[in-house]
């Protein structure tokens, strides 16, 4: 707390020069600065320019009575609590004394004033003034601290934008107001695309600066009557008020996309940061701010699924899909618990297409006579937190099936079983121990198990993947990168990861005969893989021409409908 050491100030107001001189002489020992005024006008000027601690005022002034001037002084905001002591040569009766106190004075002294009395009273009132100043300063400090605390509670400390709690409160008030006044609101939910790659590549300090830069651009895209918040991580929210139509909202969304398209220059790095934007319009039917935020969040995921760097609106169809996903999630949990899922197996053949060298385990779910798309129910499993249970189920089932084929069908021990793993499974602390348990239970060799992760999953957290892959390698378990060529992997990361194989994505294989670019990419992937000592597997082989092209260019293994579609375990036995 800062302490101000400036001298306190006393004002003496008297039309008698002798009285002024005597008062000044008596007060100079009190350590205060003394101002003298011979009339009300001089006094007003001093009061306007200085913060006075104590006033001595003669009752009988030539231009105004002390009673009236005392009231005038206390009417000033900065002088409201300044003590005033009357000094007078008059003989005051009780009525005069009462009138004096009613005018706001704290004491009345008779002339000639005894200097020691003046000194004693002055010291008391100056001490009281010092205490008042300390209290006022403490109050200012408390107000400042409260304002800082309030600001901390309402704002994101990194960007200065509103935080999640405050934007939710603001939105709740706007919803309430809009219900009464029929005003439209639009809520935008923004998520930066591939922000984690920035953090992993350049460090969190650069990531933080990128978030600040993004916040400034977002504020520049909206009006003063709109609100911008950071919800946490790389998620932002914008609330547009008094929106005329969805066309206006789309204009703002396009403005944001254009603003974010320009590169950010952060610590000598040129960084591009696009965003996926979900939009929910308030139409009077939503009951709360949380519903609007949830709807905008759902629309944002739709924008991501459509390809990122774009915006999407929440709709009734999207809400119905969300309800459908919730219902399917509950049924999926029941299916896992009651072992109602099925594992299909797609053989992987050597380049000639005659020898089975491995199988890929593919999960299937039949619900009420209908096969549910794996893309759908696996994404639901990830959203609902069931992915670890689902992954553990298929891992145990696939390992047990491979052991059965080895013992009952004479399957060569070198044949592997591949199981797909999501990035969320890698984040599970018990992931390695669950693999060890599956191997111990099934009694298959670790060299027979291969885990597949998509290129996107690997690059979402390459450092953690490198650590996990090293542990898997130490166990003897193989690792391959699935859908290679569709992501954005760094060759430096790829060469540093302990991998065993790359799988060429089916999108390259499907047009490999007619598309020269795909031919070049496929040849490059095969050459890159072999230079890194990795096996190459091609997915989606459907024609003999594709098979021959891959075989001629050194592809090590293939799978696809030309060779065999995914089959239930009992049908695989016929191939063995």
Protein backbone atom coordinates (compact mmCIF):
# COMPACT_ATOMS: atom_id res chain seq x y z
CA UNK A 1 0.00 0.00 0.00
CA UNK A 2 1.50 3.37 -1.04
CA UNK A 3 1.78 6.00 1.71
CA UNK A 4 1.50 9.68 0.71
CA UNK A 5 3.79 11.85 2.87
CA UNK A 6 2.69 15.30 1.60
CA UNK A 7 2.00 17.91 4.28
CA UNK A 8 -1.54 18.33 5.55
CA UNK A 9 -3.16 21.70 4.83
CA UNK A 10 -5.00 24.09 7.14
CA UNK A 11 -7.11 27.03 5.97
CA UNK A 12 -7.69 30.07 8.19
CA UNK A 13 -10.45 32.47 7.04
CA UNK A 14 -10.64 35.82 8.86
CA UNK A 15 -11.01 39.44 7.72
CA UNK A 16 -8.66 40.64 10.48
CA UNK A 17 -4.99 40.70 9.42
CA UNK A 18 -3.94 40.58 13.08
CA UNK A 19 -5.98 37.43 13.71
CA UNK A 20 -4.53 35.82 10.59
CA UNK A 21 -0.98 36.58 11.74
CA UNK A 22 -1.61 35.23 15.24
CA UNK A 23 -3.22 32.05 13.90
CA UNK A 24 -0.38 31.46 11.44
CA UNK A 25 2.16 31.90 14.22
CA UNK A 26 0.35 29.43 16.49
CA UNK A 27 -0.15 26.81 13.77
CA UNK A 28 3.33 26.77 12.27
CA UNK A 29 4.53 24.35 15.00
CA UNK A 30 1.90 21.73 14.03
CA UNK A 31 3.77 20.58 10.94
CA UNK A 32 1.01 21.51 8.48
CA UNK A 33 0.95 23.96 5.62
CA UNK A 34 -1.17 27.00 6.50
CA UNK A 35 -3.24 28.97 3.97
CA UNK A 36 -4.70 32.38 4.88
CA UNK A 37 -7.83 33.97 3.36
CA UNK A 38 -9.27 37.38 4.27
CA UNK A 39 -12.58 36.86 2.50
CA UNK A 40 -14.85 34.17 1.10
CA UNK A 41 -13.63 34.59 -2.48
CA UNK A 42 -10.01 33.92 -1.53
CA UNK A 43 -11.15 30.94 0.53
CA UNK A 44 -13.13 29.50 -2.38
CA UNK A 45 -10.07 29.72 -4.62
CA UNK A 46 -7.91 27.87 -2.06
CA UNK A 47 -10.58 25.19 -1.50
CA UNK A 48 -10.82 24.67 -5.25
CA UNK A 49 -7.07 24.08 -5.59
CA UNK A 50 -6.16 22.22 -2.40
CA UNK A 51 -7.26 19.29 -0.28
CA UNK A 52 -7.78 20.92 3.14
CA UNK A 53 -7.58 18.93 6.38
CA UNK A 54 -8.91 21.56 8.83
CA UNK A 55 -10.60 25.00 8.58
CA UNK A 56 -10.66 27.84 11.09
CA UNK A 57 -13.47 30.27 10.13
CA UNK A 58 -14.42 33.65 11.58
CA UNK A 59 -18.19 33.96 12.06
CA UNK A 60 -18.41 37.67 11.23
CA UNK A 61 -17.06 37.99 7.67
CA UNK A 62 -17.73 41.14 5.62
CA UNK A 63 -19.12 39.35 2.54
CA UNK A 64 -20.86 36.33 4.13
CA UNK A 65 -21.68 35.06 7.59
CA UNK A 66 -19.65 32.12 8.82
CA UNK A 67 -22.83 30.09 9.39
CA UNK A 68 -23.73 30.28 5.70
CA UNK A 69 -20.17 29.83 4.46
CA UNK A 70 -19.70 26.70 6.59
CA UNK A 71 -22.75 25.16 4.87
CA UNK A 72 -21.38 26.21 1.47
CA UNK A 73 -18.01 24.61 2.22
CA UNK A 74 -19.57 21.30 3.29
CA UNK A 75 -21.68 21.30 0.14
CA UNK A 76 -18.49 20.79 -1.84
CA UNK A 77 -17.91 16.99 -2.42
CA UNK A 78 -14.22 17.14 -1.52
CA UNK A 79 -14.94 19.20 1.64
CA UNK A 80 -17.97 17.30 2.90
CA UNK A 81 -16.16 15.84 5.92
CA UNK A 82 -13.57 18.59 6.58
CA UNK A 83 -13.86 19.79 10.21
CA UNK A 84 -14.61 23.52 10.63
CA UNK A 85 -13.90 25.39 13.87
CA UNK A 86 -15.49 28.80 14.39
CA UNK A 87 -13.38 31.60 15.86
CA UNK A 88 -15.31 34.65 17.07
CA UNK A 89 -15.03 37.76 19.28
CA UNK A 90 -18.80 37.80 19.87
CA UNK A 91 -20.48 36.73 23.06
CA UNK A 92 -22.53 33.76 21.93
CA UNK A 93 -25.68 32.77 23.71
CA UNK A 94 -27.15 29.28 23.55
CA UNK A 95 -29.08 30.13 20.40
CA UNK A 96 -25.89 31.24 18.60
CA UNK A 97 -24.06 28.13 19.74
CA UNK A 98 -26.91 25.91 18.48
CA UNK A 99 -26.94 27.78 15.17
CA UNK A 100 -23.17 27.22 14.87
CA UNK A 101 -23.40 23.47 15.34
CA UNK A 102 -26.37 23.27 12.95
CA UNK A 103 -24.18 24.89 10.29
CA UNK A 104 -21.83 21.92 10.59
CA UNK A 105 -18.93 23.17 12.71
CA UNK A 106 -17.24 20.92 15.27
CA UNK A 107 -16.14 23.56 17.79
CA UNK A 108 -16.28 27.28 18.69
CA UNK A 109 -13.25 29.23 20.02
CA UNK A 110 -13.33 32.73 21.55
CA UNK A 111 -10.94 35.45 20.47
CA UNK A 112 -8.26 36.09 21.45
CA UNK A 113 -7.47 32.40 21.04
CA UNK A 114 -4.96 30.83 23.38
CA UNK A 115 -2.10 29.45 21.16
CA UNK A 116 -1.70 26.24 23.20
CA UNK A 117 -5.39 25.47 22.83
CA UNK A 118 -5.12 26.07 19.07
CA UNK A 119 -2.09 23.75 18.87
CA UNK A 120 -3.75 20.98 20.89
CA UNK A 121 -7.01 21.03 18.94
CA UNK A 122 -5.16 21.24 15.64
CA UNK A 123 -3.00 18.21 16.44
CA UNK A 124 -6.08 16.17 17.37
CA UNK A 125 -7.90 17.03 14.16
CA UNK A 126 -4.80 16.50 12.01
CA UNK A 127 -4.39 13.05 13.57
CA UNK A 128 -8.04 12.29 12.79
CA UNK A 129 -7.45 13.51 9.23
CA UNK A 130 -4.43 11.20 8.89
CA UNK A 131 -6.53 8.26 10.00
CA UNK A 132 -9.25 9.28 7.56
CA UNK A 133 -6.74 9.37 4.73
CA UNK A 134 -5.40 5.93 5.68
CA UNK A 135 -8.94 4.53 5.69
CA UNK A 136 -9.73 6.17 2.33
CA UNK A 137 -6.51 4.79 0.86
CA UNK A 138 -7.36 1.33 2.18
CA UNK A 139 -10.81 1.66 0.63
CA UNK A 140 -9.22 2.60 -2.71
CA UNK A 141 -6.87 -0.36 -2.47
CA UNK A 142 -9.78 -2.66 -1.64
CA UNK A 143 -11.75 -1.31 -4.61
CA UNK A 144 -8.74 -1.82 -6.87
CA UNK A 145 -8.19 -5.34 -5.55
CA UNK A 146 -11.88 -6.14 -5.94
CA UNK A 147 -11.84 -4.81 -9.49
CA UNK A 148 -8.79 -6.93 -10.29
CA UNK A 149 -10.42 -9.97 -8.69
CA UNK A 150 -13.62 -9.29 -10.61
CA UNK A 151 -11.64 -8.88 -13.81
CA UNK A 152 -9.81 -12.15 -13.09
CA UNK A 153 -13.11 -13.93 -12.49
CA UNK A 154 -14.68 -12.57 -15.68
CA UNK A 155 -11.80 -12.54 -18.16
CA UNK A 156 -9.35 -14.97 -19.67
CA UNK A 157 -5.95 -13.95 -18.35
CA UNK A 158 -4.06 -14.87 -21.52
CA UNK A 159 -6.11 -12.96 -24.10
CA UNK A 160 -8.09 -10.46 -22.02
CA UNK A 161 -11.33 -11.76 -23.54
CA UNK A 162 -14.33 -12.81 -21.49
CA UNK A 163 -14.04 -16.33 -20.07
CA UNK A 164 -16.52 -19.20 -20.33
CA UNK A 165 -18.42 -18.33 -17.14
CA UNK A 166 -18.84 -14.67 -18.04
CA UNK A 167 -19.91 -15.24 -21.65
CA UNK A 168 -22.46 -17.77 -20.37
CA UNK A 169 -23.81 -15.15 -17.95
CA UNK A 170 -23.88 -12.50 -20.68
CA UNK A 171 -25.65 -14.86 -23.05
CA UNK A 172 -28.20 -15.76 -20.36
CA UNK A 173 -29.06 -12.06 -19.92
CA UNK A 174 -29.30 -11.55 -23.67
CA UNK A 175 -31.62 -14.56 -24.02
CA UNK A 176 -33.86 -13.16 -21.29
CA UNK A 177 -33.90 -9.72 -22.93
CA UNK A 178 -34.50 -11.15 -26.39
CA UNK A 179 -37.54 -13.07 -25.17
CA UNK A 180 -39.13 -9.80 -24.03
CA UNK A 181 -38.03 -7.59 -26.92
CA UNK A 182 -37.95 -10.08 -29.81
CA UNK A 183 -34.29 -9.48 -30.59
CA UNK A 184 -32.17 -12.01 -32.46
CA UNK A 185 -28.88 -13.44 -31.22
CA UNK A 186 -26.26 -15.54 -32.98
CA UNK A 187 -23.72 -17.67 -31.09
CA UNK A 188 -20.50 -18.72 -32.80
CA UNK A 189 -18.29 -21.51 -31.46
CA UNK A 190 -14.77 -21.45 -32.94
CA UNK A 191 -12.03 -24.06 -32.72
CA UNK A 192 -8.60 -23.50 -34.27
CA UNK A 193 -7.69 -26.25 -36.72
CA UNK A 194 -4.54 -28.24 -35.88
CA UNK A 195 -3.57 -25.92 -33.01
CA UNK A 196 -1.94 -28.82 -31.17
CA UNK A 197 0.57 -29.15 -34.01
CA UNK A 198 1.66 -25.55 -33.36
CA UNK A 199 2.18 -26.28 -29.66
CA UNK A 200 4.07 -29.48 -30.39
CA UNK A 201 6.21 -27.95 -33.14
CA UNK A 202 7.04 -24.52 -31.68
CA UNK A 203 6.27 -24.80 -27.97
CA UNK A 204 3.49 -23.52 -25.72
CA UNK A 205 4.89 -19.98 -25.54
CA UNK A 206 4.41 -19.61 -29.31
CA UNK A 207 0.98 -21.24 -29.00
CA UNK A 208 -0.01 -18.67 -26.36
CA UNK A 209 1.11 -15.78 -28.56
CA UNK A 210 -0.88 -17.26 -31.45
CA UNK A 211 -3.98 -17.35 -29.24
CA UNK A 212 -3.46 -13.67 -28.34
CA UNK A 213 -3.06 -12.76 -31.98
CA UNK A 214 -6.20 -14.71 -32.85
CA UNK A 215 -8.13 -12.94 -30.07
CA UNK A 216 -7.19 -9.51 -31.49
CA UNK A 217 -8.32 -10.51 -34.97
CA UNK A 218 -11.62 -11.85 -33.69
CA UNK A 219 -12.33 -8.61 -31.82
CA UNK A 220 -11.59 -6.72 -35.02
CA UNK A 221 -14.25 -8.70 -36.88
CA UNK A 222 -17.21 -7.74 -34.69
CA UNK A 223 -19.02 -4.62 -33.48
CA UNK A 224 -18.75 -2.94 -30.09
CA UNK A 225 -22.17 -4.35 -29.16
CA UNK A 226 -20.96 -7.94 -29.73
CA UNK A 227 -19.04 -10.15 -27.31
CA UNK A 228 -15.91 -12.26 -27.77
CA UNK A 229 -14.72 -14.92 -25.29
CA UNK A 230 -12.08 -17.59 -24.98
CA UNK A 231 -13.66 -20.74 -23.60
CA UNK A 232 -10.36 -22.51 -22.97
CA UNK A 233 -7.58 -24.11 -25.00
CA UNK A 234 -8.05 -23.11 -28.63
CA UNK A 235 -11.83 -22.64 -28.35
CA UNK A 236 -13.45 -19.22 -28.73
CA UNK A 237 -17.03 -17.96 -28.61
CA UNK A 238 -18.61 -14.92 -30.25
CA UNK A 239 -22.08 -13.63 -29.40
CA UNK A 240 -23.62 -11.34 -32.01
CA UNK A 241 -26.46 -9.14 -30.75
CA UNK A 242 -29.34 -7.52 -32.69
CA UNK A 243 -28.78 -9.76 -35.71
CA UNK A 244 -31.15 -9.08 -38.62
CA UNK A 245 -30.75 -12.40 -40.42
CA UNK A 246 -28.55 -15.45 -40.86
CA UNK A 247 -27.07 -13.71 -43.91
CA UNK A 248 -25.55 -11.08 -41.57
CA UNK A 249 -24.13 -13.85 -39.42
CA UNK A 250 -22.64 -15.58 -42.47
CA UNK A 251 -20.99 -12.29 -43.44
CA UNK A 252 -19.30 -12.10 -40.03
CA UNK A 253 -18.26 -15.78 -40.23
CA UNK A 254 -16.67 -15.22 -43.64
CA UNK A 255 -14.96 -12.10 -42.31
CA UNK A 256 -13.46 -14.17 -39.47
CA UNK A 257 -12.26 -16.89 -41.85
CA UNK A 258 -10.63 -14.26 -44.07
CA UNK A 259 -9.04 -12.51 -41.07
CA UNK A 260 -7.55 -15.74 -39.76
CA UNK A 261 -6.28 -16.74 -43.21
CA UNK A 262 -3.48 -14.17 -43.08
CA UNK A 263 -0.28 -15.53 -41.52
CA UNK A 264 0.60 -14.79 -37.90
CA UNK A 265 4.20 -13.76 -37.36
CA UNK A 266 5.14 -15.09 -33.92
CA UNK A 267 8.74 -15.08 -32.67
CA UNK A 268 10.10 -15.12 -36.24
CA UNK A 269 7.75 -17.99 -37.17
CA UNK A 270 5.15 -17.61 -39.92
CA UNK A 271 2.10 -19.52 -38.71
CA UNK A 272 -1.23 -20.08 -40.43
CA UNK A 273 -4.25 -20.71 -38.21
CA UNK A 274 -7.62 -21.56 -39.73
CA UNK A 275 -10.77 -22.19 -37.71
CA UNK A 276 -13.90 -24.31 -37.83
CA UNK A 277 -16.98 -22.30 -36.82
CA UNK A 278 -20.32 -23.56 -35.56
CA UNK A 279 -23.28 -21.16 -35.48
CA UNK A 280 -26.51 -21.37 -33.49
CA UNK A 281 -29.25 -18.77 -34.05
CA UNK A 282 -31.57 -17.83 -31.19
CA UNK A 283 -35.13 -18.23 -32.45
CA UNK A 284 -37.01 -17.85 -29.18
CA UNK A 285 -37.34 -21.58 -28.49
CA UNK A 286 -34.06 -22.22 -26.67
CA UNK A 287 -34.50 -22.18 -22.92
CA UNK A 288 -30.99 -21.30 -21.82
CA UNK A 289 -27.57 -19.99 -22.78
CA UNK A 290 -26.12 -23.47 -22.30
CA UNK A 291 -28.45 -24.87 -24.97
CA UNK A 292 -27.25 -22.26 -27.47
CA UNK A 293 -23.61 -22.97 -26.65
CA UNK A 294 -24.19 -26.72 -26.96
CA UNK A 295 -25.89 -26.25 -30.32
CA UNK A 296 -23.09 -24.03 -31.63
CA UNK A 297 -20.56 -26.61 -30.41
CA UNK A 298 -22.40 -29.37 -32.30
CA UNK A 299 -22.41 -27.23 -35.46
CA UNK A 300 -18.67 -26.61 -35.06
CA UNK A 301 -18.01 -30.36 -35.19
CA UNK A 302 -20.09 -30.49 -38.34
CA UNK A 303 -17.83 -27.81 -39.86
CA UNK A 304 -14.76 -29.87 -38.90
CA UNK A 305 -16.22 -33.01 -40.42
CA UNK A 306 -16.96 -31.13 -43.65
CA UNK A 307 -13.28 -30.30 -44.05
CA UNK A 308 -12.41 -27.55 -41.53
CA UNK A 309 -11.72 -23.86 -42.22
CA UNK A 310 -15.44 -23.19 -42.75
CA UNK A 311 -18.65 -22.58 -40.85
CA UNK A 312 -21.83 -24.59 -40.36
CA UNK A 313 -25.22 -23.80 -38.85
CA UNK A 314 -26.99 -25.82 -36.20
CA UNK A 315 -30.28 -27.24 -37.47
CA UNK A 316 -33.11 -29.44 -36.33
CA UNK A 317 -31.57 -32.28 -38.29
CA UNK A 318 -28.30 -31.79 -36.41
CA UNK A 319 -30.17 -31.86 -33.10
CA UNK A 320 -31.91 -35.07 -34.15
CA UNK A 321 -28.54 -36.55 -35.09
CA UNK A 322 -27.16 -35.56 -31.69
CA UNK A 323 -30.06 -37.34 -29.97
CA UNK A 324 -29.51 -40.35 -32.20
CA UNK A 325 -25.85 -40.46 -31.21
CA UNK A 326 -26.75 -40.30 -27.52
CA UNK A 327 -29.19 -43.19 -27.93
CA UNK A 328 -26.69 -45.23 -29.94
CA UNK A 329 -24.04 -44.56 -27.29
CA UNK A 330 -26.27 -46.12 -24.63
CA UNK A 331 -26.98 -49.14 -26.86
CA UNK A 332 -23.27 -49.47 -27.70
CA UNK A 333 -22.41 -49.59 -23.99
CA UNK A 334 -24.97 -52.35 -23.58
CA UNK A 335 -23.53 -54.21 -26.59
CA UNK A 336 -19.99 -54.08 -25.19
CA UNK A 337 -21.10 -55.27 -21.77
CA UNK A 338 -23.11 -58.15 -23.28
CA UNK A 339 -20.53 -59.11 -25.95
CA UNK A 340 -22.91 -58.37 -28.82
CA UNK A 341 -20.20 -57.03 -31.14
CA UNK A 342 -18.48 -59.04 -33.89
CA UNK A 343 -14.94 -59.04 -35.23
CA UNK A 344 -14.46 -59.50 -38.98
CA UNK A 345 -11.06 -60.21 -40.50
CA UNK A 346 -9.64 -59.03 -43.83
CA UNK A 347 -6.65 -61.07 -45.04
CA UNK A 348 -3.45 -59.35 -46.09
CA UNK A 349 -1.61 -61.11 -48.93
CA UNK A 350 1.90 -61.09 -50.22
CA UNK A 351 2.48 -59.19 -53.49
CA UNK A 352 1.56 -62.18 -55.65
CA UNK A 353 -1.79 -62.45 -53.89
CA UNK A 354 -1.41 -66.13 -53.01
CA UNK A 355 0.00 -66.27 -49.48
CA UNK A 356 -1.82 -64.85 -46.44
CA UNK A 357 0.72 -62.99 -44.32
CA UNK A 358 -1.63 -61.21 -41.93
CA UNK A 359 -5.15 -60.20 -40.97
CA UNK A 360 -6.71 -56.86 -40.08
CA UNK A 361 -9.33 -57.11 -37.31
CA UNK A 362 -12.38 -54.97 -38.15
CA UNK A 363 -15.15 -54.39 -35.63
CA UNK A 364 -18.78 -54.86 -36.70
CA UNK A 365 -22.03 -54.14 -34.87
CA UNK A 366 -25.44 -55.41 -35.86
CA UNK A 367 -28.33 -53.64 -34.14
CA UNK A 368 -31.89 -54.82 -34.64
CA UNK A 369 -31.02 -56.47 -37.94
CA UNK A 370 -29.04 -53.48 -39.30
CA UNK A 371 -25.26 -53.21 -39.57
CA UNK A 372 -24.14 -49.93 -37.97
CA UNK A 373 -21.35 -48.12 -39.78
CA UNK A 374 -18.01 -48.54 -37.94
CA UNK A 375 -17.21 -44.89 -38.68
CA UNK A 376 -20.39 -43.92 -36.81
CA UNK A 377 -20.19 -46.15 -33.77
CA UNK A 378 -16.44 -45.74 -33.28
CA UNK A 379 -16.81 -41.94 -33.29
CA UNK A 380 -19.66 -42.31 -30.78
CA UNK A 381 -17.43 -44.51 -28.64
CA UNK A 382 -14.77 -41.78 -28.63
CA UNK A 383 -17.31 -39.06 -27.76
CA UNK A 384 -18.94 -41.07 -24.98
CA UNK A 385 -15.75 -42.39 -23.39
CA UNK A 386 -16.37 -46.00 -24.46
CA UNK A 387 -13.40 -46.23 -26.80
CA UNK A 388 -11.10 -47.88 -24.25
CA UNK A 389 -13.68 -50.57 -23.46
CA UNK A 390 -14.33 -51.06 -27.17
CA UNK A 391 -10.61 -51.25 -27.99
CA UNK A 392 -9.98 -53.71 -25.17
CA UNK A 393 -12.84 -55.92 -26.38
CA UNK A 394 -11.60 -56.18 -29.97
CA UNK A 395 -7.97 -56.56 -28.83
CA UNK A 396 -8.80 -59.57 -26.65
CA UNK A 397 -11.11 -61.08 -29.27
CA UNK A 398 -8.56 -60.74 -32.10
CA UNK A 399 -5.68 -62.18 -30.06
CA UNK A 400 -7.79 -65.12 -28.90
CA UNK A 401 -8.93 -65.78 -32.48
CA UNK A 402 -5.38 -65.78 -33.83
CA UNK A 403 -4.34 -68.27 -31.16
CA UNK A 404 -7.28 -70.50 -32.09
CA UNK A 405 -6.28 -70.49 -35.78
CA UNK A 406 -2.68 -71.29 -34.86
CA UNK A 407 -3.67 -74.26 -32.73
CA UNK A 408 -6.74 -75.58 -34.57
CA UNK A 409 -6.07 -74.64 -38.21
CA UNK A 410 -2.29 -74.86 -38.37
CA UNK A 411 -1.84 -71.14 -39.11
CA UNK A 412 1.83 -70.23 -39.54
CA UNK A 413 3.12 -68.41 -36.40
CA UNK A 414 4.58 -65.66 -38.60
CA UNK A 415 1.09 -64.49 -39.66
CA UNK A 416 0.17 -61.28 -37.83
CA UNK A 417 -3.10 -59.81 -36.59
CA UNK A 418 -3.53 -56.04 -36.98
CA UNK A 419 -5.80 -54.08 -34.63
CA UNK A 420 -6.76 -50.43 -35.13
CA UNK A 421 -6.07 -48.10 -32.21
CA UNK A 422 -7.30 -44.53 -31.74
CA UNK A 423 -5.30 -41.62 -30.32
CA UNK A 424 -7.63 -41.56 -27.29
CA UNK A 425 -6.63 -45.11 -26.44
CA UNK A 426 -2.99 -44.04 -26.43
CA UNK A 427 -3.87 -41.33 -23.90
CA UNK A 428 -5.24 -43.99 -21.54
CA UNK A 429 -2.71 -44.65 -18.76
CA UNK A 430 -3.53 -48.34 -18.70
CA UNK A 431 -3.05 -48.86 -22.44
CA UNK A 432 0.25 -50.78 -22.26
CA UNK A 433 -0.89 -52.96 -19.37
CA UNK A 434 -4.09 -53.84 -21.27
CA UNK A 435 -1.97 -55.07 -24.20
CA UNK A 436 0.21 -57.13 -21.91
CA UNK A 437 -2.94 -58.65 -20.39
CA UNK A 438 -4.34 -59.52 -23.85
CA UNK A 439 -1.06 -61.19 -24.84
CA UNK A 440 -0.85 -63.12 -21.58
CA UNK A 441 -4.45 -64.28 -21.76
CA UNK A 442 -4.26 -65.42 -25.40
CA UNK A 443 -0.70 -66.74 -25.17
CA UNK A 444 0.22 -65.42 -28.62
CA UNK A 445 3.70 -64.11 -29.36
CA UNK A 446 4.00 -60.28 -29.21
CA UNK A 447 5.55 -60.43 -32.72
CA UNK A 448 2.18 -61.63 -34.03
CA UNK A 449 0.38 -58.44 -32.89
CA UNK A 450 0.47 -55.27 -34.96
CA UNK A 451 -1.24 -52.00 -33.97
CA UNK A 452 -2.47 -49.57 -36.62
CA UNK A 453 -2.86 -45.83 -36.05
CA UNK A 454 -3.91 -43.30 -38.65
CA UNK A 455 -1.38 -40.76 -39.80
CA UNK A 456 -3.55 -37.98 -38.33
CA UNK A 457 -3.68 -39.74 -34.95
CA UNK A 458 0.10 -40.14 -34.89
CA UNK A 459 0.75 -36.50 -35.74
CA UNK A 460 -1.79 -35.22 -33.20
CA UNK A 461 0.76 -35.99 -30.47
CA UNK A 462 4.01 -37.27 -32.03
CA UNK A 463 6.02 -37.02 -28.79
CA UNK A 464 3.61 -39.23 -26.85
CA UNK A 465 3.37 -41.62 -29.81
CA UNK A 466 7.15 -41.92 -29.93
CA UNK A 467 7.19 -42.82 -26.22
CA UNK A 468 4.36 -45.36 -26.55
CA UNK A 469 5.79 -46.88 -29.75
CA UNK A 470 9.15 -47.38 -28.05
CA UNK A 471 7.44 -49.26 -25.22
CA UNK A 472 5.58 -51.39 -27.78
CA UNK A 473 8.81 -52.10 -29.64
CA UNK A 474 10.41 -53.22 -26.39
CA UNK A 475 7.51 -55.65 -25.92
CA UNK A 476 7.97 -56.97 -29.47
CA UNK A 477 4.66 -55.55 -30.75
CA UNK A 478 4.67 -54.09 -34.27
CA UNK A 479 3.31 -50.63 -35.18
CA UNK A 480 2.07 -49.37 -38.54
CA UNK A 481 0.75 -46.02 -39.78
CA UNK A 482 -2.65 -46.38 -41.48
CA UNK A 483 -4.09 -44.15 -44.25
CA UNK A 484 -0.63 -42.82 -45.01
CA UNK A 485 -0.54 -39.88 -47.42
CA UNK A 486 -3.84 -38.32 -46.28
CA UNK A 487 -2.46 -36.45 -43.27
CA UNK A 488 0.26 -33.89 -42.74
CA UNK A 489 3.09 -35.84 -41.17
CA UNK A 490 6.56 -34.39 -40.91
CA UNK A 491 9.31 -36.55 -42.39
CA UNK A 492 11.55 -35.66 -39.43
CA UNK A 493 8.94 -37.04 -37.04
CA UNK A 494 8.30 -40.06 -39.25
CA UNK A 495 11.95 -41.05 -39.38
CA UNK A 496 12.25 -40.68 -35.60
CA UNK A 497 9.28 -42.93 -34.76
CA UNK A 498 9.92 -46.64 -34.10
CA UNK A 499 7.59 -47.99 -36.85
CA UNK A 500 7.35 -51.27 -38.71
CA UNK A 501 5.04 -50.50 -41.65
CA UNK A 502 3.15 -47.85 -43.63
CA UNK A 503 -0.24 -48.51 -45.21
CA UNK A 504 -0.97 -46.65 -48.45
CA UNK A 505 -4.44 -45.11 -48.25
CA UNK A 506 -7.08 -46.53 -50.58
CA UNK A 507 -7.69 -43.06 -52.10
CA UNK A 508 -4.34 -43.36 -53.92
CA UNK A 509 -4.82 -47.00 -54.89
CA UNK A 510 -8.31 -46.50 -56.37
CA UNK A 511 -7.06 -44.17 -59.17
CA UNK A 512 -3.55 -45.50 -59.45
CA UNK A 513 -3.91 -46.76 -63.03
CA UNK A 514 -5.35 -43.59 -64.58
CA UNK A 515 -3.86 -40.88 -62.37
CA UNK A 516 -0.17 -40.14 -62.98
CA UNK A 517 0.06 -38.08 -59.79
CA UNK A 518 -1.22 -40.97 -57.69
CA UNK A 519 1.28 -43.25 -59.38
CA UNK A 520 4.09 -40.87 -58.47
CA UNK A 521 2.86 -40.51 -54.89
CA UNK A 522 2.53 -44.26 -54.46
CA UNK A 523 6.01 -44.88 -55.83
CA UNK A 524 7.37 -42.18 -53.51
CA UNK A 525 5.66 -43.73 -50.45
CA UNK A 526 7.07 -47.17 -51.30
CA UNK A 527 10.55 -45.74 -51.84
CA UNK A 528 10.38 -43.66 -48.65
CA UNK A 529 9.18 -46.62 -46.60
CA UNK A 530 11.89 -48.94 -47.85
CA UNK A 531 14.57 -46.29 -47.26
CA UNK A 532 13.38 -46.17 -43.64
CA UNK A 533 13.33 -49.96 -43.38
CA UNK A 534 9.53 -50.14 -43.26
CA UNK A 535 7.16 -52.65 -44.84
CA UNK A 536 4.53 -51.25 -47.24
CA UNK A 537 0.91 -52.44 -47.27
CA UNK A 538 -1.60 -51.20 -49.86
CA UNK A 539 -5.29 -50.93 -48.92
CA UNK A 540 -8.31 -51.06 -51.21
CA UNK A 541 -6.85 -53.22 -54.00
CA UNK A 542 -9.83 -54.03 -56.22
CA UNK A 543 -8.43 -54.76 -59.69
CA UNK A 544 -5.71 -56.97 -61.15
CA UNK A 545 -4.15 -53.90 -62.79
CA UNK A 546 -3.77 -52.24 -59.39
CA UNK A 547 -2.25 -55.40 -57.97
CA UNK A 548 0.29 -55.66 -60.79
CA UNK A 549 1.27 -51.99 -60.53
CA UNK A 550 1.88 -52.33 -56.79
CA UNK A 551 3.74 -55.61 -57.21
CA UNK A 552 5.95 -54.15 -59.97
CA UNK A 553 6.87 -51.21 -57.76
CA UNK A 554 7.88 -53.26 -54.74
CA UNK A 555 4.78 -53.13 -52.50
CA UNK A 556 5.22 -55.77 -49.77
CA UNK A 557 1.59 -56.64 -48.96
CA UNK A 558 -1.94 -55.91 -50.16
CA UNK A 559 -5.50 -56.14 -48.97
CA UNK A 560 -8.76 -55.38 -50.72
CA UNK A 561 -11.91 -56.84 -52.27
CA UNK A 562 -9.91 -58.28 -55.20
CA UNK A 563 -8.25 -60.63 -52.73
CA UNK A 564 -10.88 -60.95 -50.01
CA UNK A 565 -13.52 -58.83 -48.36
CA UNK A 566 -13.67 -58.70 -44.52
CA UNK A 567 -15.11 -62.00 -43.27
CA UNK A 568 -16.36 -63.41 -39.97
CA UNK A 569 -13.94 -65.78 -38.25
CA UNK A 570 -15.73 -68.97 -39.32
CA UNK A 571 -15.43 -68.02 -43.01
CA UNK A 572 -11.73 -67.26 -42.65
CA UNK A 573 -11.13 -70.87 -41.63
CA UNK A 574 -12.11 -71.98 -45.14
CA UNK A 575 -9.22 -69.90 -46.52
CA UNK A 576 -6.77 -71.55 -44.17
